[in-house]
Amino acid sequence: MTDEPLRIGVLGAARIAELSIVGPARVTGHRLVAVAARDRSRAETFAAEHDVERVLDSYADVIADPEVEVVYNPLANGLHGPWNLAALAADKHVLTEKPSASSTEEAIEVRDAVTKAGTAFMEGFHYLFHPVTRRLHELLDSGELGELRHVETTMLMPAPEDTDVRWSLPLAGGALMDLGCYSLHAQRVLAPWAGGAPRLVAARGGERPGAPGVDEWLDADLEFPGGATGTARCHMAHNEWQFSCRIVGSLGEATAVNFVQPHLDDRVLVRTATGERTEMLGRRSSYTYQLESFAAHLRRGTPLRLDADDAVATMRLIDDCYQGAGFQPRPRTVLPSTV
């Protein structure tokens, strides 16, 4: 076992990578070995700004680079599955943005590839590693909130530009894929306090004008085996930002004001019969905690909190919600045979 820095290859020069991998790697001392983008000049700019060691011609070249041991995949949703499969076929460890695939069928294929490769795979639900979310779970575990009764997860944001890939059906776009996956996952991980994982009761959604088949918003009603209920909301053309998680128990409730971006707001509001209080859990990036956890697994054998089975379960619930709201699951992206 060693704490040697991870050697990370980055697929694409997306802006999210600055927050999700560049900053965390700098803080934790891991190496950004290589990057490639569709436009090489973008990759060169990205590498120069963020101290990436070299620029390669293609995503395939990053995956094939013998020095790259971890492939980080922040591409458009529809490119998660195929490039995750390509990285696993090359026996690389994979840290992928969420969701890990475009559909349940593809997520199962990714899981099977993980089993075959025997490498580490983790879907980037970074919020789970931050003290804000850990505190919500501690409040349930301690009994201070009593028995779980209801959960509300809300993900709202103003609309991206019409040309944004998040509105592209061929690239597996939609509010549920981009935002609602957090809402659903945050409820799924409450299974230990709810008698098991939630199931979909009903879903409603609205189509993005000018983007047939793409959801602008989607709300889901959930039910847990122990009797608790859940409401998961997402809206990608709202007039405000709100990324909150509210947990209601028989003895009190707790709300994480911004559970997905605790580096911007780390408050947890707790209300019980004894009074109300605000806890501040720290604004260190959740992505940094996530990278530390992934590195601890690779270097010291610490168990992963998220794996390919978890990714399949989340994708299955996403597809259930799409079908319940009258949408089709997202289509699969097929890479050119020349890749």
C-alpha atoms as a PDB file:
ATOM      1  CA  MET A   1       0.000   0.000   0.000  1.00  0.00           C
ATOM      2  CA  THR A   2       1.248   3.458  -0.881  1.00  0.00           C
ATOM      3  CA  ASP A   3       0.008   7.030  -0.999  1.00  0.00           C
ATOM      4  CA  GLU A   4       1.655   7.678  -4.351  1.00  0.00           C
ATOM      5  CA  PRO A   5      -0.338  10.322  -6.272  1.00  0.00           C
ATOM      6  CA  LEU A   6      -3.011   9.090  -8.641  1.00  0.00           C
ATOM      7  CA  ARG A   7      -2.213   9.515 -12.334  1.00  0.00           C
ATOM      8  CA  ILE A   8      -5.375  10.924 -13.879  1.00  0.00           C
ATOM      9  CA  GLY A   9      -6.378  11.307 -17.508  1.00  0.00           C
ATOM     10  CA  VAL A  10      -9.185  13.749 -18.300  1.00  0.00           C
ATOM     11  CA  LEU A  11     -11.640  13.284 -21.153  1.00  0.00           C
ATOM     12  CA  GLY A  12     -12.584  16.691 -22.512  1.00  0.00           C
ATOM     13  CA  ALA A  13     -11.983  20.243 -21.368  1.00  0.00           C
ATOM     14  CA  ALA A  14     -15.392  20.888 -19.850  1.00  0.00           C
ATOM     15  CA  ARG A  15     -15.789  23.757 -17.400  1.00  0.00           C
ATOM     16  CA  ILE A  16     -17.121  21.382 -14.730  1.00  0.00           C
ATOM     17  CA  ALA A  17     -13.705  19.690 -14.692  1.00  0.00           C
ATOM     18  CA  GLU A  18     -12.155  22.780 -13.112  1.00  0.00           C
ATOM     19  CA  LEU A  19     -14.338  22.305 -10.037  1.00  0.00           C
ATOM     20  CA  SER A  20     -14.663  18.541 -10.074  1.00  0.00           C
ATOM     21  CA  ILE A  21     -11.109  17.323 -10.739  1.00  0.00           C
ATOM     22  CA  VAL A  22      -8.607  20.157 -11.273  1.00  0.00           C
ATOM     23  CA  GLY A  23      -9.103  21.868  -7.915  1.00  0.00           C
ATOM     24  CA  PRO A  24      -9.321  18.626  -5.927  1.00  0.00           C
ATOM     25  CA  ALA A  25      -6.201  17.210  -7.605  1.00  0.00           C
ATOM     26  CA  ARG A  26      -4.282  20.377  -6.819  1.00  0.00           C
ATOM     27  CA  VAL A  27      -5.372  20.316  -3.163  1.00  0.00           C
ATOM     28  CA  THR A  28      -4.683  16.607  -2.663  1.00  0.00           C
ATOM     29  CA  GLY A  29      -1.478  16.357  -4.696  1.00  0.00           C
ATOM     30  CA  HIS A  30      -2.682  14.008  -7.435  1.00  0.00           C
ATOM     31  CA  ARG A  31      -1.328  14.301 -10.982  1.00  0.00           C
ATOM     32  CA  LEU A  32      -3.294  15.340 -14.053  1.00  0.00           C
ATOM     33  CA  VAL A  33      -1.268  13.368 -16.564  1.00  0.00           C
ATOM     34  CA  ALA A  34      -3.149  13.907 -19.813  1.00  0.00           C
ATOM     35  CA  VAL A  35      -6.145  15.596 -21.412  1.00  0.00           C
ATOM     36  CA  ALA A  36      -7.790  15.501 -24.834  1.00  0.00           C
ATOM     37  CA  ALA A  37     -10.718  17.392 -26.319  1.00  0.00           C
ATOM     38  CA  ARG A  38     -12.566  17.418 -29.637  1.00  0.00           C
ATOM     39  CA  ASP A  39     -10.797  20.718 -30.317  1.00  0.00           C
ATOM     40  CA  ARG A  40      -7.101  20.274 -29.555  1.00  0.00           C
ATOM     41  CA  SER A  41      -6.658  24.007 -28.973  1.00  0.00           C
ATOM     42  CA  ARG A  42      -9.193  23.837 -26.137  1.00  0.00           C
ATOM     43  CA  ALA A  43      -7.255  20.971 -24.591  1.00  0.00           C
ATOM     44  CA  GLU A  44      -4.031  22.938 -24.928  1.00  0.00           C
ATOM     45  CA  THR A  45      -5.574  25.951 -23.197  1.00  0.00           C
ATOM     46  CA  PHE A  46      -6.996  23.722 -20.470  1.00  0.00           C
ATOM     47  CA  ALA A  47      -3.634  22.029 -19.933  1.00  0.00           C
ATOM     48  CA  ALA A  48      -1.757  25.323 -19.761  1.00  0.00           C
ATOM     49  CA  GLU A  49      -4.193  26.834 -17.270  1.00  0.00           C
ATOM     50  CA  HIS A  50      -4.386  23.773 -15.021  1.00  0.00           C
ATOM     51  CA  ASP A  51      -0.909  22.239 -15.188  1.00  0.00           C
ATOM     52  CA  VAL A  52      -1.930  19.108 -17.044  1.00  0.00           C
ATOM     53  CA  GLU A  53       1.271  17.348 -18.054  1.00  0.00           C
ATOM     54  CA  ARG A  54       0.451  16.673 -21.701  1.00  0.00           C
ATOM     55  CA  VAL A  55      -2.186  17.068 -24.401  1.00  0.00           C
ATOM     56  CA  LEU A  56      -3.169  14.084 -26.531  1.00  0.00           C
ATOM     57  CA  ASP A  57      -5.071  13.929 -29.797  1.00  0.00           C
ATOM     58  CA  SER A  58      -8.155  11.980 -28.713  1.00  0.00           C
ATOM     59  CA  TYR A  59     -10.086  10.497 -25.801  1.00  0.00           C
ATOM     60  CA  ALA A  60      -8.922   7.080 -27.006  1.00  0.00           C
ATOM     61  CA  ASP A  61      -5.310   8.241 -26.716  1.00  0.00           C
ATOM     62  CA  VAL A  62      -5.894   9.295 -23.099  1.00  0.00           C
ATOM     63  CA  ILE A  63      -7.356   5.905 -22.290  1.00  0.00           C
ATOM     64  CA  ALA A  64      -4.491   4.106 -24.046  1.00  0.00           C
ATOM     65  CA  ASP A  65      -1.771   6.157 -22.350  1.00  0.00           C
ATOM     66  CA  PRO A  66       0.181   3.662 -20.189  1.00  0.00           C
ATOM     67  CA  GLU A  67       0.828   6.291 -17.516  1.00  0.00           C
ATOM     68  CA  VAL A  68      -2.876   7.046 -17.022  1.00  0.00           C
ATOM     69  CA  GLU A  69      -4.317   4.815 -14.312  1.00  0.00           C
ATOM     70  CA  VAL A  70      -7.570   6.699 -13.598  1.00  0.00           C
ATOM     71  CA  VAL A  71      -9.850   8.015 -16.338  1.00  0.00           C
ATOM     72  CA  TYR A  72     -12.070  10.928 -15.318  1.00  0.00           C
ATOM     73  CA  ASN A  73     -15.133  11.255 -17.569  1.00  0.00           C
ATOM     74  CA  PRO A  74     -17.002  14.609 -17.445  1.00  0.00           C
ATOM     75  CA  LEU A  75     -18.357  14.435 -21.005  1.00  0.00           C
ATOM     76  CA  ALA A  76     -21.975  14.982 -22.064  1.00  0.00           C
ATOM     77  CA  ASN A  77     -24.378  12.469 -20.489  1.00  0.00           C
ATOM     78  CA  GLY A  78     -24.719  10.405 -23.643  1.00  0.00           C
ATOM     79  CA  LEU A  79     -20.940   9.924 -23.775  1.00  0.00           C
ATOM     80  CA  HIS A  80     -20.596   8.615 -20.242  1.00  0.00           C
ATOM     81  CA  GLY A  81     -21.567   5.041 -21.043  1.00  0.00           C
ATOM     82  CA  PRO A  82     -19.496   4.438 -24.189  1.00  0.00           C
ATOM     83  CA  TRP A  83     -16.328   6.064 -22.886  1.00  0.00           C
ATOM     84  CA  ASN A  84     -16.691   4.387 -19.492  1.00  0.00           C
ATOM     85  CA  LEU A  85     -16.886   1.083 -21.351  1.00  0.00           C
ATOM     86  CA  ALA A  86     -13.818   1.996 -23.415  1.00  0.00           C
ATOM     87  CA  ALA A  87     -11.821   2.878 -20.298  1.00  0.00           C
ATOM     88  CA  LEU A  88     -12.853  -0.319 -18.523  1.00  0.00           C
ATOM     89  CA  ALA A  89     -11.921  -2.388 -21.567  1.00  0.00           C
ATOM     90  CA  ALA A  90      -8.437  -0.885 -21.219  1.00  0.00           C
ATOM     91  CA  ASP A  91      -8.355  -1.968 -17.549  1.00  0.00           C
ATOM     92  CA  LYS A  92      -8.413   1.602 -16.243  1.00  0.00           C
ATOM     93  CA  HIS A  93     -10.013   2.791 -13.023  1.00  0.00           C
ATOM     94  CA  VAL A  94     -12.932   5.123 -13.759  1.00  0.00           C
ATOM     95  CA  LEU A  95     -14.338   8.146 -11.973  1.00  0.00           C
ATOM     96  CA  THR A  96     -17.322   9.249 -14.032  1.00  0.00           C
ATOM     97  CA  GLU A  97     -19.741  12.105 -13.824  1.00  0.00           C
ATOM     98  CA  LYS A  98     -23.304  11.107 -13.228  1.00  0.00           C
ATOM     99  CA  PRO A  99     -25.277   9.345 -14.508  1.00  0.00           C
ATOM    100  CA  SER A 100     -22.860   6.600 -15.501  1.00  0.00           C
ATOM    101  CA  ALA A 101     -24.871   5.685 -18.600  1.00  0.00           C
ATOM    102  CA  SER A 102     -27.882   6.738 -20.665  1.00  0.00           C
ATOM    103  CA  SER A 103     -30.210   3.912 -19.626  1.00  0.00           C
ATOM    104  CA  THR A 104     -30.558   0.959 -17.295  1.00  0.00           C
ATOM    105  CA  GLU A 105     -29.504  -1.415 -20.063  1.00  0.00           C
ATOM    106  CA  GLU A 106     -26.282   0.494 -20.648  1.00  0.00           C
ATOM    107  CA  ALA A 107     -25.616   0.873 -16.903  1.00  0.00           C
ATOM    108  CA  ILE A 108     -25.851  -2.904 -16.534  1.00  0.00           C
ATOM    109  CA  GLU A 109     -23.370  -3.276 -19.390  1.00  0.00           C
ATOM    110  CA  VAL A 110     -20.996  -0.904 -17.588  1.00  0.00           C
ATOM    111  CA  ARG A 111     -21.396  -2.891 -14.366  1.00  0.00           C
ATOM    112  CA  ASP A 112     -20.590  -6.123 -16.196  1.00  0.00           C
ATOM    113  CA  ALA A 113     -17.503  -4.461 -17.676  1.00  0.00           C
ATOM    114  CA  VAL A 114     -16.391  -3.399 -14.188  1.00  0.00           C
ATOM    115  CA  THR A 115     -16.707  -6.982 -12.991  1.00  0.00           C
ATOM    116  CA  LYS A 116     -14.695  -8.235 -15.971  1.00  0.00           C
ATOM    117  CA  ALA A 117     -11.969  -5.605 -15.625  1.00  0.00           C
ATOM    118  CA  GLY A 118     -11.634  -5.900 -11.869  1.00  0.00           C
ATOM    119  CA  THR A 119     -10.823  -2.189 -11.672  1.00  0.00           C
ATOM    120  CA  ALA A 120     -12.400   0.508  -9.521  1.00  0.00           C
ATOM    121  CA  PHE A 121     -15.465   2.358 -10.768  1.00  0.00           C
ATOM    122  CA  MET A 122     -17.310   5.204  -9.094  1.00  0.00           C
ATOM    123  CA  GLU A 123     -20.135   7.473 -10.179  1.00  0.00           C
ATOM    124  CA  GLY A 124     -19.518  11.054  -9.095  1.00  0.00           C
ATOM    125  CA  PHE A 125     -22.264  11.746  -6.579  1.00  0.00           C
ATOM    126  CA  HIS A 126     -19.792  13.941  -4.734  1.00  0.00           C
ATOM    127  CA  TYR A 127     -22.342  15.407  -2.304  1.00  0.00           C
ATOM    128  CA  LEU A 128     -22.379  12.098  -0.412  1.00  0.00           C
ATOM    129  CA  PHE A 129     -18.803  12.592   0.811  1.00  0.00           C
ATOM    130  CA  HIS A 130     -19.297  16.038   2.345  1.00  0.00           C
ATOM    131  CA  PRO A 131     -19.900  16.578   6.088  1.00  0.00           C
ATOM    132  CA  VAL A 132     -23.232  18.247   5.221  1.00  0.00           C
ATOM    133  CA  THR A 133     -24.730  14.998   3.937  1.00  0.00           C
ATOM    134  CA  ARG A 134     -22.947  12.918   6.549  1.00  0.00           C
ATOM    135  CA  ARG A 135     -24.554  15.121   9.200  1.00  0.00           C
ATOM    136  CA  LEU A 136     -28.045  14.513   7.840  1.00  0.00           C
ATOM    137  CA  HIS A 137     -27.423  10.797   8.130  1.00  0.00           C
ATOM    138  CA  GLU A 138     -25.961  11.178  11.635  1.00  0.00           C
ATOM    139  CA  LEU A 139     -29.099  13.006  12.771  1.00  0.00           C
ATOM    140  CA  LEU A 140     -31.184  10.047  11.619  1.00  0.00           C
ATOM    141  CA  ASP A 141     -28.756   7.528  13.065  1.00  0.00           C
ATOM    142  CA  SER A 142     -28.689   9.208  16.469  1.00  0.00           C
ATOM    143  CA  GLY A 143     -32.462   9.151  16.788  1.00  0.00           C
ATOM    144  CA  GLU A 144     -32.685  12.913  17.283  1.00  0.00           C
ATOM    145  CA  LEU A 145     -35.108  13.222  14.369  1.00  0.00           C
ATOM    146  CA  GLY A 146     -37.014  10.081  15.314  1.00  0.00           C
ATOM    147  CA  GLU A 147     -38.274   7.726  12.639  1.00  0.00           C
ATOM    148  CA  LEU A 148     -38.043   8.859   9.036  1.00  0.00           C
ATOM    149  CA  ARG A 149     -41.391  10.139   7.776  1.00  0.00           C
ATOM    150  CA  HIS A 150     -40.767  12.215   4.646  1.00  0.00           C
ATOM    151  CA  VAL A 151     -37.941  13.439   2.392  1.00  0.00           C
ATOM    152  CA  GLU A 152     -37.980  16.373  -0.001  1.00  0.00           C
ATOM    153  CA  THR A 153     -35.116  16.813  -2.457  1.00  0.00           C
ATOM    154  CA  THR A 154     -35.300  19.853  -4.720  1.00  0.00           C
ATOM    155  CA  MET A 155     -33.019  20.716  -7.636  1.00  0.00           C
ATOM    156  CA  LEU A 156     -33.939  23.948  -9.441  1.00  0.00           C
ATOM    157  CA  MET A 157     -31.838  26.155 -11.727  1.00  0.00           C
ATOM    158  CA  PRO A 158     -32.249  28.790 -14.469  1.00  0.00           C
ATOM    159  CA  ALA A 159     -32.203  27.506 -18.022  1.00  0.00           C
ATOM    160  CA  PRO A 160     -28.952  26.914 -19.906  1.00  0.00           C
ATOM    161  CA  GLU A 161     -28.740  28.264 -23.450  1.00  0.00           C
ATOM    162  CA  ASP A 162     -30.916  26.478 -26.009  1.00  0.00           C
ATOM    163  CA  THR A 163     -27.762  25.150 -27.682  1.00  0.00           C
ATOM    164  CA  ASP A 164     -26.492  23.538 -24.461  1.00  0.00           C
ATOM    165  CA  VAL A 165     -25.952  19.768 -24.707  1.00  0.00           C
ATOM    166  CA  ARG A 166     -28.143  19.345 -21.640  1.00  0.00           C
ATOM    167  CA  TRP A 167     -31.129  19.966 -23.931  1.00  0.00           C
ATOM    168  CA  SER A 168     -29.988  17.381 -26.479  1.00  0.00           C
ATOM    169  CA  LEU A 169     -31.972  14.141 -26.582  1.00  0.00           C
ATOM    170  CA  PRO A 170     -29.306  12.310 -28.654  1.00  0.00           C
ATOM    171  CA  LEU A 171     -26.792  13.180 -25.913  1.00  0.00           C
ATOM    172  CA  ALA A 172     -29.135  11.964 -23.159  1.00  0.00           C
ATOM    173  CA  GLY A 173     -30.133  15.417 -21.974  1.00  0.00           C
ATOM    174  CA  GLY A 174     -32.964  16.502 -19.724  1.00  0.00           C
ATOM    175  CA  ALA A 175     -33.608  17.884 -16.262  1.00  0.00           C
ATOM    176  CA  LEU A 176     -33.829  14.454 -14.672  1.00  0.00           C
ATOM    177  CA  MET A 177     -30.494  13.343 -16.082  1.00  0.00           C
ATOM    178  CA  ASP A 178     -28.675  16.548 -15.167  1.00  0.00           C
ATOM    179  CA  LEU A 179     -30.349  17.514 -11.884  1.00  0.00           C
ATOM    180  CA  GLY A 180     -32.936  14.965 -10.838  1.00  0.00           C
ATOM    181  CA  CYS A 181     -30.391  12.178 -10.548  1.00  0.00           C
ATOM    182  CA  TYR A 182     -29.150  13.987  -7.402  1.00  0.00           C
ATOM    183  CA  SER A 183     -32.697  14.232  -6.048  1.00  0.00           C
ATOM    184  CA  LEU A 184     -33.266  10.528  -6.558  1.00  0.00           C
ATOM    185  CA  HIS A 185     -29.863   9.393  -5.333  1.00  0.00           C
ATOM    186  CA  ALA A 186     -30.132  11.429  -2.119  1.00  0.00           C
ATOM    187  CA  GLN A 187     -33.350   9.555  -1.373  1.00  0.00           C
ATOM    188  CA  ARG A 188     -31.989   6.157  -2.358  1.00  0.00           C
ATOM    189  CA  VAL A 189     -29.109   6.426   0.133  1.00  0.00           C
ATOM    190  CA  LEU A 190     -31.630   6.813   2.973  1.00  0.00           C
ATOM    191  CA  ALA A 191     -32.545   3.138   2.616  1.00  0.00           C
ATOM    192  CA  PRO A 192     -30.846   2.126   5.928  1.00  0.00           C
ATOM    193  CA  TRP A 193     -33.266   4.358   7.852  1.00  0.00           C
ATOM    194  CA  ALA A 194     -36.341   3.617   5.727  1.00  0.00           C
ATOM    195  CA  GLY A 195     -36.576  -0.155   5.609  1.00  0.00           C
ATOM    196  CA  GLY A 196     -35.059  -0.292   2.147  1.00  0.00           C
ATOM    197  CA  ALA A 197     -34.814   1.630  -1.100  1.00  0.00           C
ATOM    198  CA  PRO A 198     -37.699   3.758  -2.396  1.00  0.00           C
ATOM    199  CA  ARG A 199     -39.993   2.861  -5.276  1.00  0.00           C
ATOM    200  CA  LEU A 200     -41.737   5.213  -7.657  1.00  0.00           C
ATOM    201  CA  VAL A 201     -45.399   5.929  -6.946  1.00  0.00           C
ATOM    202  CA  ALA A 202     -46.073   8.596  -9.576  1.00  0.00           C
ATOM    203  CA  ALA A 203     -44.199  11.055 -11.795  1.00  0.00           C
ATOM    204  CA  ARG A 204     -45.095  14.201 -13.699  1.00  0.00           C
ATOM    205  CA  GLY A 205     -43.022  16.204 -16.153  1.00  0.00           C
ATOM    206  CA  GLY A 206     -42.969  18.891 -18.804  1.00  0.00           C
ATOM    207  CA  GLU A 207     -41.227  18.934 -22.173  1.00  0.00           C
ATOM    208  CA  ARG A 208     -38.701  21.610 -23.108  1.00  0.00           C
ATOM    209  CA  PRO A 209     -40.166  23.817 -25.876  1.00  0.00           C
ATOM    210  CA  GLY A 210     -38.278  23.153 -29.084  1.00  0.00           C
ATOM    211  CA  ALA A 211     -36.656  19.987 -27.733  1.00  0.00           C
ATOM    212  CA  PRO A 212     -39.032  17.050 -28.311  1.00  0.00           C
ATOM    213  CA  GLY A 213     -38.633  14.260 -25.802  1.00  0.00           C
ATOM    214  CA  VAL A 214     -36.461  16.302 -23.444  1.00  0.00           C
ATOM    215  CA  ASP A 215     -37.803  17.034 -19.975  1.00  0.00           C
ATOM    216  CA  GLU A 216     -37.582  20.617 -18.741  1.00  0.00           C
ATOM    217  CA  TRP A 217     -38.885  19.575 -15.339  1.00  0.00           C
ATOM    218  CA  LEU A 218     -39.915  16.390 -13.603  1.00  0.00           C
ATOM    219  CA  ASP A 219     -41.387  15.640 -10.178  1.00  0.00           C
ATOM    220  CA  ALA A 220     -41.478  12.167  -8.643  1.00  0.00           C
ATOM    221  CA  ASP A 221     -43.413  10.801  -5.672  1.00  0.00           C
ATOM    222  CA  LEU A 222     -41.642   7.970  -3.881  1.00  0.00           C
ATOM    223  CA  GLU A 223     -42.480   5.495  -1.131  1.00  0.00           C
ATOM    224  CA  PHE A 224     -40.101   3.597   1.162  1.00  0.00           C
ATOM    225  CA  PRO A 225     -40.773   0.074   2.518  1.00  0.00           C
ATOM    226  CA  GLY A 226     -40.967   1.435   6.073  1.00  0.00           C
ATOM    227  CA  GLY A 227     -43.807   3.781   5.163  1.00  0.00           C
ATOM    228  CA  ALA A 228     -41.900   7.046   4.689  1.00  0.00           C
ATOM    229  CA  THR A 229     -42.640   9.078   1.575  1.00  0.00           C
ATOM    230  CA  GLY A 230     -40.442  11.140  -0.690  1.00  0.00           C
ATOM    231  CA  THR A 231     -40.803  13.979  -3.175  1.00  0.00           C
ATOM    232  CA  ALA A 232     -38.006  14.496  -5.695  1.00  0.00           C
ATOM    233  CA  ARG A 233     -38.208  17.644  -7.819  1.00  0.00           C
ATOM    234  CA  CYS A 234     -36.042  18.929 -10.639  1.00  0.00           C
ATOM    235  CA  HIS A 235     -36.477  21.903 -12.952  1.00  0.00           C
ATOM    236  CA  MET A 236     -33.846  23.089 -15.434  1.00  0.00           C
ATOM    237  CA  ALA A 237     -35.615  26.315 -16.472  1.00  0.00           C
ATOM    238  CA  HIS A 238     -36.627  27.786 -13.138  1.00  0.00           C
ATOM    239  CA  ASN A 239     -36.357  31.410 -12.029  1.00  0.00           C
ATOM    240  CA  GLU A 240     -34.064  30.583  -9.106  1.00  0.00           C
ATOM    241  CA  TRP A 241     -31.382  28.220  -7.832  1.00  0.00           C
ATOM    242  CA  GLN A 242     -32.329  25.741  -5.119  1.00  0.00           C
ATOM    243  CA  PHE A 243     -30.489  22.538  -4.285  1.00  0.00           C
ATOM    244  CA  SER A 244     -32.007  21.495  -0.957  1.00  0.00           C
ATOM    245  CA  CYS A 245     -32.631  18.302   0.980  1.00  0.00           C
ATOM    246  CA  ARG A 246     -35.228  18.273   3.779  1.00  0.00           C
ATOM    247  CA  ILE A 247     -35.604  15.252   6.023  1.00  0.00           C
ATOM    248  CA  VAL A 248     -38.656  15.015   8.273  1.00  0.00           C
ATOM    249  CA  GLY A 249     -38.781  12.600  11.171  1.00  0.00           C
ATOM    250  CA  SER A 250     -41.267  11.809  13.902  1.00  0.00           C
ATOM    251  CA  LEU A 251     -39.348  14.014  16.371  1.00  0.00           C
ATOM    252  CA  GLY A 252     -37.992  16.780  14.182  1.00  0.00           C
ATOM    253  CA  GLU A 253     -36.572  17.771  10.819  1.00  0.00           C
ATOM    254  CA  ALA A 254     -33.299  18.837   9.225  1.00  0.00           C
ATOM    255  CA  THR A 255     -32.636  20.715   5.998  1.00  0.00           C
ATOM    256  CA  ALA A 256     -29.402  20.966   4.063  1.00  0.00           C
ATOM    257  CA  VAL A 257     -29.798  24.325   2.348  1.00  0.00           C
ATOM    258  CA  ASN A 258     -27.494  23.412  -0.552  1.00  0.00           C
ATOM    259  CA  PHE A 259     -26.546  19.756  -0.296  1.00  0.00           C
ATOM    260  CA  VAL A 260     -25.060  19.603  -3.820  1.00  0.00           C
ATOM    261  CA  GLN A 261     -22.957  22.776  -3.491  1.00  0.00           C
ATOM    262  CA  PRO A 262     -21.905  22.888   0.166  1.00  0.00           C
ATOM    263  CA  HIS A 263     -18.844  24.922  -0.831  1.00  0.00           C
ATOM    264  CA  LEU A 264     -21.337  27.760  -1.409  1.00  0.00           C
ATOM    265  CA  ASP A 265     -23.639  27.148   1.563  1.00  0.00           C
ATOM    266  CA  ASP A 266     -22.809  24.607   4.259  1.00  0.00           C
ATOM    267  CA  ARG A 267     -25.793  25.171   6.547  1.00  0.00           C
ATOM    268  CA  VAL A 268     -27.868  22.401   8.051  1.00  0.00           C
ATOM    269  CA  LEU A 269     -31.005  23.703   9.779  1.00  0.00           C
ATOM    270  CA  VAL A 270     -32.264  21.476  12.586  1.00  0.00           C
ATOM    271  CA  ARG A 271     -35.639  21.844  14.286  1.00  0.00           C
ATOM    272  CA  THR A 272     -36.894  19.644  17.130  1.00  0.00           C
ATOM    273  CA  ALA A 273     -39.097  20.078  20.184  1.00  0.00           C
ATOM    274  CA  THR A 274     -36.076  21.440  22.073  1.00  0.00           C
ATOM    275  CA  GLY A 275     -35.616  24.310  19.634  1.00  0.00           C
ATOM    276  CA  GLU A 276     -33.969  25.331  16.375  1.00  0.00           C
ATOM    277  CA  ARG A 277     -30.306  25.573  15.483  1.00  0.00           C
ATOM    278  CA  THR A 278     -28.057  26.108  12.496  1.00  0.00           C
ATOM    279  CA  GLU A 279     -24.992  23.932  12.049  1.00  0.00           C
ATOM    280  CA  MET A 280     -22.132  24.972   9.762  1.00  0.00           C
ATOM    281  CA  LEU A 281     -20.298  21.967   8.363  1.00  0.00           C
ATOM    282  CA  GLY A 282     -17.493  23.587   6.370  1.00  0.00           C
ATOM    283  CA  ARG A 283     -17.119  24.818   2.800  1.00  0.00           C
ATOM    284  CA  ARG A 284     -14.318  22.569   1.643  1.00  0.00           C
ATOM    285  CA  SER A 285     -15.292  21.178  -1.765  1.00  0.00           C
ATOM    286  CA  SER A 286     -17.339  17.989  -1.839  1.00  0.00           C
ATOM    287  CA  TYR A 287     -15.342  17.046  -4.949  1.00  0.00           C
ATOM    288  CA  THR A 288     -12.166  17.127  -2.870  1.00  0.00           C
ATOM    289  CA  TYR A 289     -13.666  14.746  -0.318  1.00  0.00           C
ATOM    290  CA  GLN A 290     -14.757  12.530  -3.210  1.00  0.00           C
ATOM    291  CA  LEU A 291     -11.292  12.352  -4.791  1.00  0.00           C
ATOM    292  CA  GLU A 292      -9.751  11.617  -1.402  1.00  0.00           C
ATOM    293  CA  SER A 293     -12.171   8.727  -0.942  1.00  0.00           C
ATOM    294  CA  PHE A 294     -11.426   7.310  -4.385  1.00  0.00           C
ATOM    295  CA  ALA A 295      -7.687   7.591  -3.796  1.00  0.00           C
ATOM    296  CA  ALA A 296      -8.009   5.931  -0.391  1.00  0.00           C
ATOM    297  CA  HIS A 297      -9.663   2.970  -2.081  1.00  0.00           C
ATOM    298  CA  LEU A 298      -6.984   2.654  -4.751  1.00  0.00           C
ATOM    299  CA  ARG A 299      -4.006   3.214  -2.461  1.00  0.00           C
ATOM    300  CA  ARG A 300      -5.148   1.740   0.861  1.00  0.00           C
ATOM    301  CA  GLY A 301      -8.044  -0.537   0.034  1.00  0.00           C
ATOM    302  CA  THR A 302     -10.698   1.529   1.801  1.00  0.00           C
ATOM    303  CA  PRO A 303     -14.153   0.350   0.636  1.00  0.00           C
ATOM    304  CA  LEU A 304     -15.909   2.439  -2.011  1.00  0.00           C
ATOM    305  CA  ARG A 305     -19.131   4.079  -0.866  1.00  0.00           C
ATOM    306  CA  LEU A 306     -20.430   4.068  -4.442  1.00  0.00           C
ATOM    307  CA  ASP A 307     -20.005   1.324  -7.009  1.00  0.00           C
ATOM    308  CA  ALA A 308     -21.411   0.065 -10.297  1.00  0.00           C
ATOM    309  CA  ASP A 309     -24.334  -1.694  -8.579  1.00  0.00           C
ATOM    310  CA  ASP A 310     -25.373   1.606  -7.032  1.00  0.00           C
ATOM    311  CA  ALA A 311     -25.153   3.233 -10.466  1.00  0.00           C
ATOM    312  CA  VAL A 312     -27.478   0.613 -11.949  1.00  0.00           C
ATOM    313  CA  ALA A 313     -30.024   1.102  -9.162  1.00  0.00           C
ATOM    314  CA  THR A 314     -30.042   4.865  -9.682  1.00  0.00           C
ATOM    315  CA  MET A 315     -30.378   4.519 -13.450  1.00  0.00           C
ATOM    316  CA  ARG A 316     -33.262   2.099 -13.040  1.00  0.00           C
ATOM    317  CA  LEU A 317     -35.121   4.627 -10.879  1.00  0.00           C
ATOM    318  CA  ILE A 318     -34.386   7.374 -13.429  1.00  0.00           C
ATOM    319  CA  ASP A 319     -35.889   5.252 -16.213  1.00  0.00           C
ATOM    320  CA  ASP A 320     -38.921   4.448 -14.040  1.00  0.00           C
ATOM    321  CA  CYS A 321     -39.460   8.175 -13.516  1.00  0.00           C
ATOM    322  CA  TYR A 322     -39.173   8.922 -17.217  1.00  0.00           C
ATOM    323  CA  GLN A 323     -41.686   6.280 -18.117  1.00  0.00           C
ATOM    324  CA  GLY A 324     -44.011   7.301 -15.282  1.00  0.00           C
ATOM    325  CA  ALA A 325     -43.991  10.899 -16.518  1.00  0.00           C
ATOM    326  CA  GLY A 326     -44.673   9.904 -20.128  1.00  0.00           C
ATOM    327  CA  PHE A 327     -41.133  10.202 -21.493  1.00  0.00           C
ATOM    328  CA  GLN A 328     -38.946   7.560 -23.076  1.00  0.00           C
ATOM    329  CA  PRO A 329     -35.640   6.579 -21.454  1.00  0.00           C
ATOM    330  CA  ARG A 330     -32.681   8.350 -22.996  1.00  0.00           C
ATOM    331  CA  PRO A 331     -31.278   6.891 -26.240  1.00  0.00           C
ATOM    332  CA  ARG A 332     -27.885   5.289 -26.358  1.00  0.00           C
ATOM    333  CA  THR A 333     -24.937   7.019 -28.046  1.00  0.00           C
ATOM    334  CA  VAL A 334     -22.925   4.788 -30.359  1.00  0.00           C
ATOM    335  CA  LEU A 335     -19.334   5.850 -30.971  1.00  0.00           C
ATOM    336  CA  PRO A 336     -17.952   5.779 -34.540  1.00  0.00           C
ATOM    337  CA  SER A 337     -16.237   2.514 -35.377  1.00  0.00           C
ATOM    338  CA  THR A 338     -13.033   4.412 -36.079  1.00  0.00           C
ATOM    339  CA  VAL A 339     -12.669   5.462 -32.423  1.00  0.00           C
END
